[in-house]
Amino acid sequence: MELKHIDIARLSVSAANMRARGKAPDLGNILPSVRARGVLVPLIVRPNDRR
């Protein structure tokens, strides 16, 4: 496993993510918490060649 710091603006939700179907995610609610406390559970991300 490799740990990298990635700008949140570079992330997008996968079309396969069942929780994100139907509307764009509202990151406004989570960003203040992430800024104040950091990410307590690391996100798992993968490259997207189409972006």
N, C-alpha and C. Protein backbone atom coordinates (compact mmCIF):
# COMPACT_ATOMS: atom_id res chain seq x y z
N MET A 1 0.85 -1.16 0.00
CA MET A 1 0.00 0.00 0.00
C MET A 1 0.89 1.23 0.00
N GLU A 2 0.45 2.26 -0.68
CA GLU A 2 1.22 3.49 -0.78
C GLU A 2 0.38 4.66 -0.29
N LEU A 3 0.93 5.50 0.53
CA LEU A 3 0.24 6.68 1.05
C LEU A 3 0.66 7.89 0.25
N LYS A 4 -0.32 8.59 -0.31
CA LYS A 4 -0.06 9.84 -1.04
C LYS A 4 -1.06 10.88 -0.58
N HIS A 5 -0.62 12.12 -0.56
CA HIS A 5 -1.52 13.23 -0.27
C HIS A 5 -2.01 13.78 -1.60
N ILE A 6 -3.33 13.80 -1.79
CA ILE A 6 -3.94 14.23 -3.05
C ILE A 6 -4.89 15.38 -2.76
N ASP A 7 -4.81 16.43 -3.55
CA ASP A 7 -5.72 17.57 -3.41
C ASP A 7 -7.15 17.07 -3.62
N ILE A 8 -8.04 17.41 -2.72
CA ILE A 8 -9.42 16.93 -2.79
C ILE A 8 -10.12 17.38 -4.08
N ALA A 9 -9.67 18.47 -4.66
CA ALA A 9 -10.26 18.94 -5.92
C ALA A 9 -9.99 17.98 -7.07
N ARG A 10 -9.00 17.12 -6.92
CA ARG A 10 -8.66 16.16 -7.98
C ARG A 10 -9.48 14.87 -7.89
N LEU A 11 -10.28 14.72 -6.84
CA LEU A 11 -11.07 13.51 -6.65
C LEU A 11 -12.43 13.63 -7.30
N SER A 12 -12.94 12.51 -7.76
CA SER A 12 -14.31 12.45 -8.28
C SER A 12 -14.91 11.12 -7.84
N VAL A 13 -16.22 11.09 -7.74
CA VAL A 13 -16.91 9.89 -7.29
C VAL A 13 -17.10 8.94 -8.46
N SER A 14 -16.79 7.69 -8.26
CA SER A 14 -16.94 6.68 -9.30
C SER A 14 -18.42 6.47 -9.63
N ALA A 15 -18.72 6.22 -10.89
CA ALA A 15 -20.09 5.90 -11.30
C ALA A 15 -20.54 4.58 -10.68
N ALA A 16 -19.61 3.74 -10.28
CA ALA A 16 -19.94 2.46 -9.65
C ALA A 16 -20.27 2.60 -8.16
N ASN A 17 -20.06 3.78 -7.59
CA ASN A 17 -20.34 4.01 -6.18
C ASN A 17 -21.85 4.11 -5.98
N MET A 18 -22.43 3.12 -5.32
CA MET A 18 -23.89 3.07 -5.15
C MET A 18 -24.41 4.23 -4.30
N ARG A 19 -23.61 4.79 -3.43
CA ARG A 19 -24.06 5.89 -2.58
C ARG A 19 -24.14 7.21 -3.32
N ALA A 20 -23.54 7.30 -4.48
CA ALA A 20 -23.47 8.57 -5.19
C ALA A 20 -24.43 8.65 -6.38
N ARG A 21 -25.21 7.65 -6.59
CA ARG A 21 -26.10 7.64 -7.76
C ARG A 21 -27.20 8.68 -7.62
N GLY A 22 -27.46 9.38 -8.71
CA GLY A 22 -28.58 10.31 -8.75
C GLY A 22 -28.22 11.76 -8.61
N LYS A 23 -27.26 12.09 -7.77
CA LYS A 23 -26.90 13.50 -7.61
C LYS A 23 -25.43 13.61 -7.21
N ALA A 24 -24.90 14.78 -7.46
CA ALA A 24 -23.50 15.04 -7.10
C ALA A 24 -23.37 15.09 -5.58
N PRO A 25 -22.26 14.62 -5.03
CA PRO A 25 -22.09 14.65 -3.58
C PRO A 25 -21.93 16.08 -3.07
N ASP A 26 -22.44 16.32 -1.87
CA ASP A 26 -22.30 17.62 -1.22
C ASP A 26 -21.10 17.55 -0.29
N LEU A 27 -19.96 18.02 -0.77
CA LEU A 27 -18.74 17.97 0.03
C LEU A 27 -18.67 19.11 1.04
N GLY A 28 -19.57 20.08 0.93
CA GLY A 28 -19.56 21.23 1.83
C GLY A 28 -19.73 20.83 3.28
N ASN A 29 -20.45 19.73 3.54
CA ASN A 29 -20.66 19.29 4.92
C ASN A 29 -19.45 18.61 5.52
N ILE A 30 -18.66 17.98 4.69
CA ILE A 30 -17.53 17.21 5.21
C ILE A 30 -16.21 17.99 5.21
N LEU A 31 -16.08 18.95 4.33
CA LEU A 31 -14.81 19.68 4.23
C LEU A 31 -14.38 20.37 5.53
N PRO A 32 -15.28 21.06 6.25
CA PRO A 32 -14.82 21.69 7.51
C PRO A 32 -14.28 20.66 8.51
N SER A 33 -14.92 19.50 8.58
CA SER A 33 -14.46 18.46 9.49
C SER A 33 -13.09 17.92 9.06
N VAL A 34 -12.91 17.71 7.78
CA VAL A 34 -11.62 17.21 7.28
C VAL A 34 -10.53 18.24 7.53
N ARG A 35 -10.86 19.50 7.32
CA ARG A 35 -9.86 20.55 7.56
C ARG A 35 -9.50 20.65 9.04
N ALA A 36 -10.48 20.48 9.92
CA ALA A 36 -10.24 20.61 11.36
C ALA A 36 -9.55 19.38 11.95
N ARG A 37 -9.97 18.19 11.53
CA ARG A 37 -9.49 16.96 12.16
C ARG A 37 -8.67 16.06 11.26
N GLY A 38 -8.71 16.32 9.95
CA GLY A 38 -8.07 15.42 9.01
C GLY A 38 -9.00 14.27 8.67
N VAL A 39 -8.53 13.37 7.85
CA VAL A 39 -9.31 12.19 7.48
C VAL A 39 -8.95 11.10 8.47
N LEU A 40 -9.94 10.67 9.26
CA LEU A 40 -9.68 9.67 10.28
C LEU A 40 -9.63 8.26 9.70
N VAL A 41 -10.35 8.04 8.61
CA VAL A 41 -10.31 6.77 7.89
C VAL A 41 -9.82 7.10 6.49
N PRO A 42 -8.64 6.64 6.11
CA PRO A 42 -8.10 7.00 4.80
C PRO A 42 -9.03 6.60 3.66
N LEU A 43 -9.09 7.44 2.65
CA LEU A 43 -9.85 7.14 1.45
C LEU A 43 -9.04 6.20 0.57
N ILE A 44 -9.73 5.33 -0.12
CA ILE A 44 -9.08 4.47 -1.10
C ILE A 44 -9.43 5.02 -2.46
N VAL A 45 -8.42 5.39 -3.22
CA VAL A 45 -8.65 6.00 -4.53
C VAL A 45 -7.84 5.25 -5.59
N ARG A 46 -8.22 5.45 -6.83
CA ARG A 46 -7.47 4.86 -7.94
C ARG A 46 -7.43 5.84 -9.08
N PRO A 47 -6.43 5.73 -9.94
CA PRO A 47 -6.31 6.65 -11.08
C PRO A 47 -7.49 6.48 -12.04
N ASN A 48 -7.85 7.58 -12.67
CA ASN A 48 -8.89 7.57 -13.68
C ASN A 48 -8.26 8.08 -14.97
N ASP A 49 -8.03 7.20 -15.91
CA ASP A 49 -7.37 7.58 -17.16
C ASP A 49 -8.22 8.49 -18.04
N ARG A 50 -9.52 8.52 -17.80
CA ARG A 50 -10.41 9.35 -18.62
C ARG A 50 -10.43 10.80 -18.17
N ARG A 51 -9.78 11.12 -17.10
CA ARG A 51 -9.83 12.48 -16.57
C ARG A 51 -8.53 13.19 -16.78
